[in-house]
């Protein structure tokens, strides 16, 4: 969902980006799949195409991760560079949200505002849950954004685990100098930060719920 789209003090996840400028985040468990590609932009010069594919196992219940991804209004509190999210239509299985995302470079802010049409598939819940999105409109800086979060239960009651898959196909307008090169250098790290943000938020909420239950 986030193109450019940290760690918990108790359990640390690990992503191992590849490439010349990648900086591994050494932790446990490792991402099963972590790919970002840059196909030729179908819209022509001045646009940057990207395709992301990330799969990682969280040592958390599917319910815990789902609760975070469904909490749309709280996104700016934990997603990096996302400064505002508003629900503009719907609340349940079909929702449209408006987001503002900002990248700061050399003291300048480059904002992006866009609407995403979200759809939730809970037909296989609690074993599987999907949150998909499609671009519903933008300020002209995004030409395409479509993808999904897919959660799959791969654990047990005693040892919960959720396989988290994030896939997105995007088209971004080049709005600042060297944007294409900057994206290629930092995109993997930024995506890892976003996935880590979801994990950390879900872990903190789970720990708080456990603490409250023990206090009763």
N, C-alpha and C. Protein backbone atom coordinates (compact mmCIF):
# COMPACT_ATOMS: atom_id res chain seq x y z
N UNK A 1 0.82 -1.19 0.00
CA UNK A 1 0.00 0.00 0.00
C UNK A 1 0.86 1.25 0.00
N UNK A 2 1.98 1.12 0.59
CA UNK A 2 2.85 2.29 0.69
C UNK A 2 4.10 2.02 -0.12
N UNK A 3 4.38 2.91 -0.97
CA UNK A 3 5.45 2.69 -1.86
C UNK A 3 6.81 2.83 -1.21
N UNK A 4 6.95 3.84 -0.39
CA UNK A 4 8.19 3.94 0.34
C UNK A 4 7.83 3.52 1.80
N UNK A 5 6.91 2.89 1.31
CA UNK A 5 6.39 2.64 2.57
C UNK A 5 7.61 2.59 3.14
N UNK A 6 12.49 0.31 15.69
CA UNK A 6 11.81 -0.41 14.68
C UNK A 6 11.67 -1.80 15.10
N UNK A 7 12.00 -1.85 15.63
CA UNK A 7 11.78 -3.22 16.02
C UNK A 7 11.32 -3.29 17.46
N UNK A 8 10.59 -4.35 17.79
CA UNK A 8 10.12 -4.56 19.16
C UNK A 8 11.30 -4.91 20.05
N UNK A 9 11.22 -4.55 21.30
CA UNK A 9 12.30 -4.88 22.23
C UNK A 9 12.23 -6.33 22.66
N UNK A 10 11.10 -7.01 22.37
CA UNK A 10 10.94 -8.38 22.82
C UNK A 10 11.23 -9.39 21.72
N UNK A 11 10.67 -9.16 20.55
CA UNK A 11 10.89 -10.08 19.43
C UNK A 11 11.26 -9.25 18.23
N UNK A 12 12.37 -9.56 17.60
CA UNK A 12 12.85 -8.76 16.49
C UNK A 12 12.76 -9.57 15.21
N UNK A 13 12.14 -9.00 14.19
CA UNK A 13 12.05 -9.67 12.91
C UNK A 13 13.26 -9.35 12.07
N UNK A 14 13.47 -10.16 11.03
CA UNK A 14 14.63 -9.93 10.20
C UNK A 14 14.29 -9.96 8.74
N UNK A 15 14.72 -8.92 8.03
CA UNK A 15 14.58 -8.86 6.60
C UNK A 15 15.98 -8.71 6.02
N UNK A 16 16.26 -9.41 4.95
CA UNK A 16 17.59 -9.35 4.36
C UNK A 16 17.47 -8.83 2.95
N UNK A 17 17.46 -7.50 2.77
CA UNK A 17 17.39 -6.93 1.43
C UNK A 17 18.61 -7.31 0.62
N UNK A 18 18.48 -7.26 -0.69
CA UNK A 18 19.60 -7.57 -1.57
C UNK A 18 19.96 -6.34 -2.38
N UNK A 19 21.11 -6.38 -2.99
CA UNK A 19 21.52 -5.26 -3.82
C UNK A 19 22.68 -4.49 -3.22
N UNK A 20 23.29 -3.66 -4.03
CA UNK A 20 24.51 -2.97 -3.65
C UNK A 20 24.35 -2.10 -2.41
N UNK A 21 23.20 -1.40 -2.30
CA UNK A 21 23.02 -0.45 -1.21
C UNK A 21 22.17 -0.99 -0.08
N UNK A 22 21.82 -2.28 -0.14
CA UNK A 22 20.93 -2.84 0.87
C UNK A 22 21.65 -3.00 2.20
N UNK A 23 20.95 -2.73 3.28
CA UNK A 23 21.48 -2.91 4.63
C UNK A 23 20.64 -3.95 5.35
N UNK A 24 21.17 -5.15 5.59
CA UNK A 24 20.36 -6.19 6.24
C UNK A 24 19.93 -5.78 7.64
N UNK A 25 18.72 -6.14 7.99
CA UNK A 25 18.23 -5.97 9.35
C UNK A 25 18.30 -7.35 9.97
N UNK A 26 19.26 -7.60 10.82
CA UNK A 26 19.50 -8.94 11.32
C UNK A 26 18.55 -9.25 12.45
N UNK A 27 17.66 -10.18 12.24
CA UNK A 27 16.69 -10.54 13.24
C UNK A 27 16.07 -11.89 12.94
N UNK A 28 15.04 -12.21 13.67
CA UNK A 28 14.41 -13.51 13.55
C UNK A 28 12.90 -13.35 13.59
N UNK A 29 12.07 -13.94 12.75
CA UNK A 29 12.49 -14.81 11.65
C UNK A 29 12.81 -14.02 10.39
N UNK A 30 13.38 -14.68 9.40
CA UNK A 30 13.73 -14.01 8.16
C UNK A 30 12.55 -14.00 7.19
N UNK A 31 12.57 -13.02 6.31
CA UNK A 31 11.54 -12.97 5.28
C UNK A 31 11.73 -14.16 4.34
N UNK A 32 10.63 -14.78 3.95
CA UNK A 32 10.70 -15.90 3.01
C UNK A 32 10.90 -15.40 1.59
N UNK A 33 10.24 -14.29 1.26
CA UNK A 33 10.35 -13.68 -0.07
C UNK A 33 10.48 -12.18 0.12
N UNK A 34 11.39 -11.56 -0.61
CA UNK A 34 11.55 -10.11 -0.52
C UNK A 34 12.07 -9.60 -1.85
N UNK A 35 11.15 -9.24 -2.74
CA UNK A 35 11.53 -8.79 -4.08
C UNK A 35 10.87 -7.47 -4.43
N UNK A 36 11.62 -6.59 -5.05
CA UNK A 36 11.08 -5.36 -5.61
C UNK A 36 11.64 -5.22 -7.03
N UNK A 37 10.75 -5.09 -8.00
CA UNK A 37 11.17 -4.94 -9.38
C UNK A 37 10.65 -3.62 -9.93
N UNK A 38 11.32 -3.15 -11.00
CA UNK A 38 10.96 -1.87 -11.60
C UNK A 38 10.75 -2.05 -13.09
N UNK A 39 9.58 -2.55 -13.47
CA UNK A 39 9.29 -2.72 -14.90
C UNK A 39 9.14 -1.37 -15.58
N UNK A 40 9.26 -1.36 -16.89
CA UNK A 40 9.08 -0.11 -17.63
C UNK A 40 7.68 0.43 -17.39
N UNK A 41 7.60 1.69 -17.06
CA UNK A 41 6.30 2.30 -16.76
C UNK A 41 5.44 2.36 -18.02
N UNK A 42 4.25 1.81 -17.92
CA UNK A 42 3.34 1.77 -19.07
C UNK A 42 2.90 3.17 -19.48
N UNK A 43 2.94 4.12 -18.54
CA UNK A 43 2.50 5.48 -18.83
C UNK A 43 3.57 6.30 -19.55
N UNK A 44 4.78 5.72 -19.70
CA UNK A 44 5.83 6.40 -20.44
C UNK A 44 6.76 7.21 -19.55
N UNK A 45 7.59 8.08 -20.15
CA UNK A 45 8.55 8.89 -19.40
C UNK A 45 7.88 9.74 -18.34
N UNK A 46 8.60 9.93 -17.23
CA UNK A 46 8.05 10.73 -16.14
C UNK A 46 7.30 9.91 -15.12
N UNK A 47 7.17 8.60 -15.36
CA UNK A 47 6.51 7.71 -14.43
C UNK A 47 7.44 6.57 -14.04
N UNK A 48 7.29 6.07 -12.81
CA UNK A 48 8.13 4.98 -12.30
C UNK A 48 7.23 3.83 -11.90
N UNK A 49 7.44 2.68 -12.52
CA UNK A 49 6.67 1.50 -12.17
C UNK A 49 7.39 0.67 -11.13
N UNK A 50 6.64 0.00 -10.27
CA UNK A 50 7.25 -0.86 -9.25
C UNK A 50 6.33 -2.03 -8.94
N UNK A 51 6.93 -3.16 -8.63
CA UNK A 51 6.18 -4.34 -8.20
C UNK A 51 6.88 -4.91 -6.97
N UNK A 52 6.15 -5.06 -5.87
CA UNK A 52 6.73 -5.57 -4.63
C UNK A 52 6.09 -6.90 -4.26
N UNK A 53 6.90 -7.75 -3.67
CA UNK A 53 6.45 -9.07 -3.26
C UNK A 53 7.22 -9.45 -2.00
N UNK A 54 6.51 -9.51 -0.88
CA UNK A 54 7.16 -9.82 0.39
C UNK A 54 6.32 -10.84 1.16
N UNK A 55 6.98 -11.87 1.67
CA UNK A 55 6.31 -12.89 2.49
C UNK A 55 7.15 -13.12 3.74
N UNK A 56 6.52 -13.04 4.91
CA UNK A 56 7.24 -13.22 6.17
C UNK A 56 6.30 -13.85 7.20
N UNK A 57 6.86 -14.65 8.08
CA UNK A 57 6.06 -15.25 9.16
C UNK A 57 6.21 -14.45 10.44
N UNK A 58 5.08 -14.05 11.02
CA UNK A 58 5.05 -13.35 12.30
C UNK A 58 4.74 -14.36 13.41
N UNK A 59 5.44 -14.31 14.52
CA UNK A 59 5.10 -15.18 15.67
C UNK A 59 3.93 -14.61 16.46
N UNK A 60 2.83 -14.34 15.75
CA UNK A 60 1.63 -13.74 16.34
C UNK A 60 0.41 -14.41 15.73
N UNK A 61 -0.71 -14.33 16.40
CA UNK A 61 -1.93 -14.90 15.86
C UNK A 61 -2.43 -14.08 14.68
N UNK A 62 -3.17 -14.73 13.79
CA UNK A 62 -3.75 -14.04 12.65
C UNK A 62 -4.71 -12.95 13.14
N UNK A 63 -5.42 -13.23 14.20
CA UNK A 63 -6.36 -12.26 14.77
C UNK A 63 -5.65 -10.98 15.18
N UNK A 64 -4.46 -11.10 15.76
CA UNK A 64 -3.71 -9.93 16.23
C UNK A 64 -3.25 -9.06 15.06
N UNK A 65 -2.76 -9.69 14.00
CA UNK A 65 -2.29 -8.93 12.83
C UNK A 65 -3.47 -8.32 12.09
N UNK A 66 -4.54 -9.08 11.97
CA UNK A 66 -5.76 -8.59 11.32
C UNK A 66 -6.29 -7.33 12.02
N UNK A 67 -6.28 -7.33 13.34
CA UNK A 67 -6.80 -6.18 14.10
C UNK A 67 -6.05 -4.90 13.76
N UNK A 68 -4.75 -5.01 13.54
CA UNK A 68 -3.94 -3.83 13.19
C UNK A 68 -4.27 -3.36 11.77
N UNK A 69 -4.32 -4.27 10.82
CA UNK A 69 -4.57 -3.89 9.43
C UNK A 69 -5.98 -3.38 9.21
N UNK A 70 -6.92 -3.75 10.07
CA UNK A 70 -8.29 -3.26 9.95
C UNK A 70 -8.47 -1.90 10.62
N UNK A 71 -7.51 -1.49 11.41
CA UNK A 71 -7.61 -0.24 12.16
C UNK A 71 -7.09 0.91 11.30
N UNK A 72 -7.83 1.23 10.24
CA UNK A 72 -7.36 2.18 9.23
C UNK A 72 -7.00 3.54 9.81
N UNK A 73 -7.81 4.03 10.73
CA UNK A 73 -7.57 5.38 11.25
C UNK A 73 -6.28 5.47 12.06
N UNK A 74 -5.77 4.33 12.54
CA UNK A 74 -4.54 4.36 13.32
C UNK A 74 -3.28 4.23 12.46
N UNK A 75 -3.43 4.03 11.16
CA UNK A 75 -2.26 3.84 10.30
C UNK A 75 -1.17 4.90 10.47
N UNK A 76 -1.52 6.21 10.50
CA UNK A 76 -0.45 7.21 10.61
C UNK A 76 0.36 7.11 11.90
N UNK A 77 -0.20 6.46 12.90
CA UNK A 77 0.52 6.34 14.17
C UNK A 77 1.72 5.39 14.08
N UNK A 78 1.66 4.43 13.16
CA UNK A 78 2.76 3.47 13.12
C UNK A 78 3.40 3.28 11.73
N UNK A 79 2.69 3.62 10.63
CA UNK A 79 3.31 3.49 9.32
C UNK A 79 4.24 4.67 9.05
N UNK A 80 5.50 4.41 8.67
CA UNK A 80 6.44 5.49 8.39
C UNK A 80 5.95 6.39 7.26
N UNK A 81 6.13 7.69 7.43
CA UNK A 81 5.88 8.72 6.41
C UNK A 81 4.41 8.93 6.05
N UNK A 82 3.55 8.14 6.64
CA UNK A 82 2.12 8.34 6.42
C UNK A 82 1.62 9.34 7.46
N UNK A 83 1.16 10.50 7.02
CA UNK A 83 0.82 11.57 7.97
C UNK A 83 -0.69 11.69 8.21
N UNK A 84 -1.51 11.12 7.31
CA UNK A 84 -2.95 11.24 7.53
C UNK A 84 -3.68 10.12 6.81
N UNK A 85 -4.69 9.58 7.47
CA UNK A 85 -5.60 8.61 6.87
C UNK A 85 -7.01 8.95 7.31
N UNK A 86 -7.92 9.02 6.36
CA UNK A 86 -9.32 9.30 6.67
C UNK A 86 -10.20 8.29 5.95
N UNK A 87 -11.19 7.76 6.67
CA UNK A 87 -12.17 6.87 6.04
C UNK A 87 -13.23 7.76 5.41
N UNK A 88 -13.38 7.69 4.09
CA UNK A 88 -14.32 8.59 3.41
C UNK A 88 -15.56 7.86 2.92
N UNK A 89 -15.55 6.54 3.00
CA UNK A 89 -16.74 5.80 2.57
C UNK A 89 -16.68 4.38 3.11
N UNK A 90 -17.72 3.96 3.80
CA UNK A 90 -17.80 2.59 4.28
C UNK A 90 -16.93 2.33 5.50
N UNK A 91 -17.17 1.20 6.15
CA UNK A 91 -16.42 0.85 7.35
C UNK A 91 -16.08 -0.63 7.42
N UNK A 92 -16.79 -1.46 6.67
CA UNK A 92 -16.66 -2.90 6.86
C UNK A 92 -15.92 -3.56 5.70
N UNK A 93 -16.60 -4.44 4.95
CA UNK A 93 -15.91 -5.19 3.91
C UNK A 93 -15.47 -4.33 2.73
N UNK A 94 -16.19 -3.23 2.45
CA UNK A 94 -15.83 -2.32 1.36
C UNK A 94 -15.66 -0.92 1.93
N UNK A 95 -14.44 -0.40 1.82
CA UNK A 95 -14.11 0.88 2.44
C UNK A 95 -13.24 1.68 1.49
N UNK A 96 -13.41 2.99 1.49
CA UNK A 96 -12.49 3.86 0.75
C UNK A 96 -11.80 4.77 1.75
N UNK A 97 -10.47 4.81 1.66
CA UNK A 97 -9.70 5.67 2.56
C UNK A 97 -8.90 6.68 1.76
N UNK A 98 -8.66 7.82 2.36
CA UNK A 98 -7.83 8.87 1.76
C UNK A 98 -6.58 9.02 2.61
N UNK A 99 -5.43 8.99 1.96
CA UNK A 99 -4.17 9.04 2.69
C UNK A 99 -3.26 10.15 2.15
N UNK A 100 -2.45 10.66 3.05
CA UNK A 100 -1.41 11.63 2.67
C UNK A 100 -0.07 11.08 3.13
N UNK A 101 0.84 10.99 2.18
CA UNK A 101 2.15 10.40 2.42
C UNK A 101 3.19 11.45 2.06
N UNK A 102 4.22 11.61 2.89
CA UNK A 102 5.22 12.65 2.66
C UNK A 102 6.63 12.09 2.71
N UNK A 103 7.42 12.47 1.72
CA UNK A 103 8.83 12.15 1.69
C UNK A 103 9.60 13.44 1.87
N UNK A 104 10.54 13.47 2.81
CA UNK A 104 11.35 14.66 3.07
C UNK A 104 12.76 14.45 2.53
N UNK A 105 13.21 15.35 1.67
CA UNK A 105 14.55 15.27 1.10
C UNK A 105 15.18 16.65 1.14
N UNK A 106 16.31 16.75 1.82
CA UNK A 106 17.06 18.01 1.91
C UNK A 106 16.19 19.17 2.37
N UNK A 107 15.32 18.89 3.33
CA UNK A 107 14.50 19.94 3.89
C UNK A 107 13.21 20.21 3.15
N UNK A 108 13.01 19.57 2.00
CA UNK A 108 11.78 19.76 1.24
C UNK A 108 10.86 18.56 1.45
N UNK A 109 9.57 18.84 1.47
CA UNK A 109 8.58 17.77 1.62
C UNK A 109 7.86 17.55 0.29
N UNK A 110 7.78 16.31 -0.09
CA UNK A 110 7.10 15.95 -1.33
C UNK A 110 5.88 15.10 -0.97
N UNK A 111 4.70 15.73 -0.92
CA UNK A 111 3.50 15.01 -0.49
C UNK A 111 2.83 14.24 -1.62
N UNK A 112 2.14 13.22 -1.25
CA UNK A 112 1.30 12.45 -2.16
C UNK A 112 -0.03 12.20 -1.47
N UNK A 113 -1.13 12.54 -2.13
CA UNK A 113 -2.45 12.27 -1.59
C UNK A 113 -3.21 11.37 -2.56
N UNK A 114 -3.87 10.37 -2.01
CA UNK A 114 -4.53 9.40 -2.87
C UNK A 114 -5.67 8.70 -2.11
N UNK A 115 -6.60 8.16 -2.88
CA UNK A 115 -7.70 7.38 -2.31
C UNK A 115 -7.52 5.93 -2.71
N UNK A 116 -7.76 5.03 -1.76
CA UNK A 116 -7.69 3.61 -2.02
C UNK A 116 -9.03 2.96 -1.73
N UNK A 117 -9.53 2.18 -2.67
CA UNK A 117 -10.74 1.40 -2.46
C UNK A 117 -10.32 0.04 -1.89
N UNK A 118 -10.75 -0.24 -0.68
CA UNK A 118 -10.35 -1.46 0.02
C UNK A 118 -11.47 -2.49 0.01
N UNK A 119 -11.07 -3.74 -0.08
CA UNK A 119 -12.04 -4.84 0.03
C UNK A 119 -11.47 -5.90 0.95
N UNK A 120 -12.30 -6.40 1.84
CA UNK A 120 -11.88 -7.42 2.81
C UNK A 120 -12.58 -8.73 2.49
N UNK A 121 -11.79 -9.79 2.43
CA UNK A 121 -12.32 -11.13 2.21
C UNK A 121 -12.11 -11.94 3.49
N UNK A 122 -13.20 -12.24 4.18
CA UNK A 122 -13.12 -13.00 5.42
C UNK A 122 -13.80 -14.37 5.30
N UNK A 123 -13.99 -14.83 4.07
CA UNK A 123 -14.71 -16.09 3.87
C UNK A 123 -13.99 -17.27 4.50
N UNK A 124 -12.65 -17.21 4.61
CA UNK A 124 -11.90 -18.33 5.18
C UNK A 124 -11.35 -18.01 6.58
N UNK A 125 -11.79 -16.87 7.14
CA UNK A 125 -11.32 -16.49 8.48
C UNK A 125 -11.83 -17.50 9.52
N UNK A 126 -11.02 -17.93 10.50
CA UNK A 126 -9.75 -17.36 10.95
C UNK A 126 -8.49 -18.01 10.36
N UNK A 127 -8.65 -18.84 9.32
CA UNK A 127 -7.47 -19.48 8.73
C UNK A 127 -6.79 -18.60 7.69
N UNK A 128 -7.59 -17.71 7.07
CA UNK A 128 -7.05 -16.86 6.01
C UNK A 128 -7.85 -15.57 5.97
N UNK A 129 -7.17 -14.47 5.70
CA UNK A 129 -7.82 -13.16 5.65
C UNK A 129 -7.10 -12.30 4.63
N UNK A 130 -7.85 -11.57 3.80
CA UNK A 130 -7.25 -10.77 2.73
C UNK A 130 -7.80 -9.35 2.75
N UNK A 131 -6.90 -8.38 2.68
CA UNK A 131 -7.26 -6.98 2.51
C UNK A 131 -6.63 -6.52 1.20
N UNK A 132 -7.47 -6.28 0.20
CA UNK A 132 -6.95 -5.85 -1.11
C UNK A 132 -7.30 -4.39 -1.35
N UNK A 133 -6.58 -3.75 -2.24
CA UNK A 133 -6.82 -2.35 -2.54
C UNK A 133 -6.59 -2.05 -4.02
N UNK A 134 -7.26 -0.99 -4.47
CA UNK A 134 -7.09 -0.44 -5.81
C UNK A 134 -7.14 1.07 -5.71
N UNK A 135 -6.34 1.72 -6.53
CA UNK A 135 -6.34 3.18 -6.53
C UNK A 135 -7.69 3.70 -7.00
N UNK A 136 -8.29 4.60 -6.20
CA UNK A 136 -9.58 5.18 -6.55
C UNK A 136 -9.43 6.64 -6.98
N UNK A 137 -8.26 7.21 -6.80
CA UNK A 137 -8.03 8.60 -7.18
C UNK A 137 -6.77 9.11 -6.52
N UNK A 138 -6.18 10.18 -7.08
CA UNK A 138 -4.97 10.76 -6.49
C UNK A 138 -4.83 12.20 -6.92
N UNK A 139 -3.83 12.85 -6.37
CA UNK A 139 -3.55 14.24 -6.72
C UNK A 139 -2.71 14.34 -7.99
N UNK A 140 -2.56 13.23 -8.69
CA UNK A 140 -1.77 13.22 -9.92
C UNK A 140 -0.40 12.60 -9.76
N UNK A 141 -0.02 12.27 -8.52
CA UNK A 141 1.31 11.72 -8.28
C UNK A 141 1.33 10.19 -8.35
N UNK A 142 0.16 9.56 -8.34
CA UNK A 142 0.08 8.11 -8.44
C UNK A 142 -0.85 7.74 -9.58
N UNK A 143 -0.38 6.85 -10.46
CA UNK A 143 -1.19 6.40 -11.58
C UNK A 143 -1.78 5.03 -11.38
N UNK A 144 -1.18 4.26 -10.47
CA UNK A 144 -1.69 2.91 -10.19
C UNK A 144 -1.21 2.46 -8.82
N UNK A 145 -2.07 1.77 -8.12
CA UNK A 145 -1.70 1.09 -6.88
C UNK A 145 -2.74 0.00 -6.66
N UNK A 146 -2.31 -1.23 -6.78
CA UNK A 146 -3.23 -2.34 -6.54
C UNK A 146 -2.44 -3.50 -5.95
N UNK A 147 -3.01 -4.09 -4.94
CA UNK A 147 -2.31 -5.18 -4.28
C UNK A 147 -3.13 -5.70 -3.12
N UNK A 148 -2.44 -6.38 -2.20
CA UNK A 148 -3.17 -6.99 -1.09
C UNK A 148 -2.24 -7.37 0.05
N UNK A 149 -2.80 -7.33 1.24
CA UNK A 149 -2.24 -8.01 2.40
C UNK A 149 -2.98 -9.35 2.50
N UNK A 150 -2.25 -10.44 2.59
CA UNK A 150 -2.87 -11.75 2.78
C UNK A 150 -2.29 -12.38 4.05
N UNK A 151 -3.16 -12.76 4.97
CA UNK A 151 -2.75 -13.39 6.22
C UNK A 151 -3.20 -14.84 6.21
N UNK A 152 -2.27 -15.75 6.57
CA UNK A 152 -2.59 -17.18 6.65
C UNK A 152 -2.12 -17.74 7.98
N UNK A 153 -2.97 -18.49 8.62
CA UNK A 153 -2.63 -19.10 9.89
C UNK A 153 -1.70 -20.29 9.65
N UNK A 154 -0.48 -20.21 10.17
CA UNK A 154 0.48 -21.31 10.00
C UNK A 154 0.96 -21.80 11.37
N UNK A 155 0.26 -21.43 12.43
CA UNK A 155 0.67 -21.81 13.78
C UNK A 155 -0.35 -22.69 14.47
N UNK A 156 -0.21 -22.76 15.78
CA UNK A 156 -1.12 -23.53 16.62
C UNK A 156 -1.61 -22.65 17.76
N UNK A 157 -2.52 -23.17 18.56
CA UNK A 157 -2.99 -22.40 19.70
C UNK A 157 -1.84 -22.13 20.66
N UNK A 158 -0.99 -23.14 20.86
CA UNK A 158 0.13 -23.00 21.79
C UNK A 158 1.24 -22.13 21.20
N UNK A 159 1.42 -22.17 19.89
CA UNK A 159 2.50 -21.42 19.25
C UNK A 159 1.95 -20.71 18.02
N UNK A 160 1.31 -19.56 18.21
CA UNK A 160 0.68 -18.86 17.09
C UNK A 160 1.71 -18.35 16.07
N UNK A 161 1.33 -18.36 14.82
CA UNK A 161 2.17 -17.83 13.75
C UNK A 161 1.29 -17.47 12.57
N UNK A 162 1.62 -16.38 11.91
CA UNK A 162 0.85 -15.91 10.76
C UNK A 162 1.79 -15.62 9.60
N UNK A 163 1.48 -16.19 8.46
CA UNK A 163 2.24 -15.87 7.24
C UNK A 163 1.64 -14.62 6.61
N UNK A 164 2.44 -13.58 6.52
CA UNK A 164 1.99 -12.29 6.01
C UNK A 164 2.57 -12.08 4.62
N UNK A 165 1.70 -11.88 3.65
CA UNK A 165 2.13 -11.60 2.28
C UNK A 165 1.69 -10.20 1.89
N UNK A 166 2.63 -9.42 1.38
CA UNK A 166 2.32 -8.06 0.91
C UNK A 166 2.75 -7.98 -0.55
N UNK A 167 1.78 -7.70 -1.42
CA UNK A 167 2.08 -7.53 -2.84
C UNK A 167 1.45 -6.24 -3.33
N UNK A 168 2.18 -5.51 -4.17
CA UNK A 168 1.66 -4.26 -4.70
C UNK A 168 2.27 -3.97 -6.07
N UNK A 169 1.44 -3.48 -6.95
CA UNK A 169 1.89 -2.99 -8.25
C UNK A 169 1.58 -1.51 -8.30
N UNK A 170 2.60 -0.68 -8.49
CA UNK A 170 2.40 0.75 -8.41
C UNK A 170 2.97 1.50 -9.60
N UNK A 171 2.46 2.71 -9.78
CA UNK A 171 2.95 3.61 -10.80
C UNK A 171 2.99 5.00 -10.19
N UNK A 172 4.19 5.55 -10.08
CA UNK A 172 4.38 6.82 -9.40
C UNK A 172 4.94 7.86 -10.36
N UNK A 173 4.44 9.06 -10.27
CA UNK A 173 4.96 10.16 -11.09
C UNK A 173 6.26 10.67 -10.48
N UNK A 174 7.27 10.86 -11.29
CA UNK A 174 8.54 11.40 -10.81
C UNK A 174 8.35 12.88 -10.51
N UNK A 175 8.44 13.24 -9.23
CA UNK A 175 8.15 14.62 -8.82
C UNK A 175 9.36 15.34 -8.23
N UNK A 176 10.48 14.63 -8.06
CA UNK A 176 11.67 15.31 -7.55
C UNK A 176 12.91 14.69 -8.19
N UNK A 177 14.04 15.42 -8.17
CA UNK A 177 15.25 14.95 -8.85
C UNK A 177 15.75 13.60 -8.34
N UNK A 178 16.20 12.76 -9.26
CA UNK A 178 16.81 11.47 -8.93
C UNK A 178 15.86 10.54 -8.20
N UNK A 179 14.55 10.75 -8.36
CA UNK A 179 13.58 9.94 -7.63
C UNK A 179 13.72 8.45 -7.95
N UNK A 180 13.92 8.12 -9.21
CA UNK A 180 14.05 6.73 -9.62
C UNK A 180 15.22 6.07 -8.91
N UNK A 181 16.37 6.74 -8.87
CA UNK A 181 17.56 6.17 -8.22
C UNK A 181 17.36 6.06 -6.71
N UNK A 182 16.74 7.06 -6.11
CA UNK A 182 16.50 7.03 -4.66
C UNK A 182 15.58 5.87 -4.30
N UNK A 183 14.55 5.66 -5.12
CA UNK A 183 13.65 4.55 -4.86
C UNK A 183 14.39 3.22 -4.91
N UNK A 184 15.24 3.05 -5.88
CA UNK A 184 15.96 1.78 -6.03
C UNK A 184 16.91 1.54 -4.86
N UNK A 185 17.46 2.61 -4.31
CA UNK A 185 18.40 2.46 -3.19
C UNK A 185 17.68 2.14 -1.89
N UNK A 186 16.55 2.82 -1.64
CA UNK A 186 15.94 2.74 -0.31
C UNK A 186 14.62 1.97 -0.24
N UNK A 187 14.07 1.55 -1.37
CA UNK A 187 12.73 0.96 -1.35
C UNK A 187 12.64 -0.28 -0.48
N UNK A 188 13.64 -1.18 -0.55
CA UNK A 188 13.57 -2.39 0.25
C UNK A 188 13.60 -2.07 1.74
N UNK A 189 14.45 -1.14 2.12
CA UNK A 189 14.53 -0.77 3.54
C UNK A 189 13.22 -0.15 4.01
N UNK A 190 12.61 0.68 3.16
CA UNK A 190 11.36 1.33 3.54
C UNK A 190 10.22 0.33 3.64
N UNK A 191 10.18 -0.62 2.71
CA UNK A 191 9.14 -1.64 2.79
C UNK A 191 9.33 -2.49 4.04
N UNK A 192 10.58 -2.84 4.35
CA UNK A 192 10.84 -3.60 5.57
C UNK A 192 10.38 -2.83 6.80
N UNK A 193 10.59 -1.53 6.82
CA UNK A 193 10.15 -0.71 7.95
C UNK A 193 8.64 -0.74 8.09
N UNK A 194 7.92 -0.73 6.97
CA UNK A 194 6.47 -0.77 7.03
C UNK A 194 5.97 -2.10 7.57
N UNK A 195 6.58 -3.20 7.10
CA UNK A 195 6.18 -4.51 7.60
C UNK A 195 6.51 -4.62 9.09
N UNK A 196 7.67 -4.10 9.47
CA UNK A 196 8.06 -4.11 10.88
C UNK A 196 7.10 -3.29 11.72
N UNK A 197 6.59 -2.20 11.14
CA UNK A 197 5.65 -1.35 11.87
C UNK A 197 4.37 -2.12 12.19
N UNK A 198 3.90 -2.91 11.24
CA UNK A 198 2.71 -3.71 11.47
C UNK A 198 2.98 -4.74 12.56
N UNK A 199 4.14 -5.42 12.45
CA UNK A 199 4.48 -6.41 13.46
C UNK A 199 4.58 -5.80 14.86
N UNK A 200 5.31 -4.70 14.96
CA UNK A 200 5.53 -4.07 16.26
C UNK A 200 4.21 -3.64 16.89
N UNK A 201 3.33 -3.04 16.08
CA UNK A 201 2.03 -2.60 16.60
C UNK A 201 1.21 -3.79 17.07
N UNK A 202 1.19 -4.86 16.28
CA UNK A 202 0.43 -6.05 16.68
C UNK A 202 1.02 -6.69 17.92
N UNK A 203 2.33 -6.70 18.01
CA UNK A 203 2.99 -7.29 19.18
C UNK A 203 2.69 -6.49 20.44
N UNK A 204 2.75 -5.16 20.33
CA UNK A 204 2.48 -4.30 21.48
C UNK A 204 1.04 -4.46 21.96
N UNK A 205 0.11 -4.54 21.00
CA UNK A 205 -1.30 -4.70 21.39
C UNK A 205 -1.52 -6.05 22.07
N UNK A 206 -0.88 -7.09 21.54
CA UNK A 206 -1.02 -8.42 22.13
C UNK A 206 -0.45 -8.44 23.54
N UNK A 207 0.72 -7.81 23.72
CA UNK A 207 1.34 -7.77 25.04
C UNK A 207 0.48 -7.02 26.04
N UNK A 208 -0.14 -5.93 25.57
CA UNK A 208 -1.01 -5.14 26.45
C UNK A 208 -2.24 -5.94 26.86
N UNK A 209 -2.84 -6.65 25.89
CA UNK A 209 -4.01 -7.47 26.20
C UNK A 209 -3.66 -8.57 27.19
N UNK A 210 -2.49 -9.16 27.03
CA UNK A 210 -2.05 -10.21 27.95
C UNK A 210 -1.83 -9.64 29.35
N UNK A 211 -1.23 -8.46 29.42
CA UNK A 211 -0.99 -7.82 30.70
C UNK A 211 -2.30 -7.50 31.41
N UNK A 212 -3.27 -6.99 30.66
CA UNK A 212 -4.57 -6.66 31.25
C UNK A 212 -5.29 -7.92 31.74
N UNK A 213 -5.16 -9.01 30.95
CA UNK A 213 -5.82 -10.26 31.35
C UNK A 213 -5.21 -10.83 32.62
N UNK A 214 -3.89 -10.72 32.74
CA UNK A 214 -3.22 -11.22 33.94
C UNK A 214 -3.52 -10.39 35.17
N UNK A 215 -3.83 -9.10 34.95
CA UNK A 215 -4.10 -8.19 36.06
C UNK A 215 -5.48 -8.40 36.66
N UNK A 216 -6.35 -9.11 35.93
CA UNK A 216 -7.71 -9.31 36.45
C UNK A 216 -7.75 -10.32 37.57
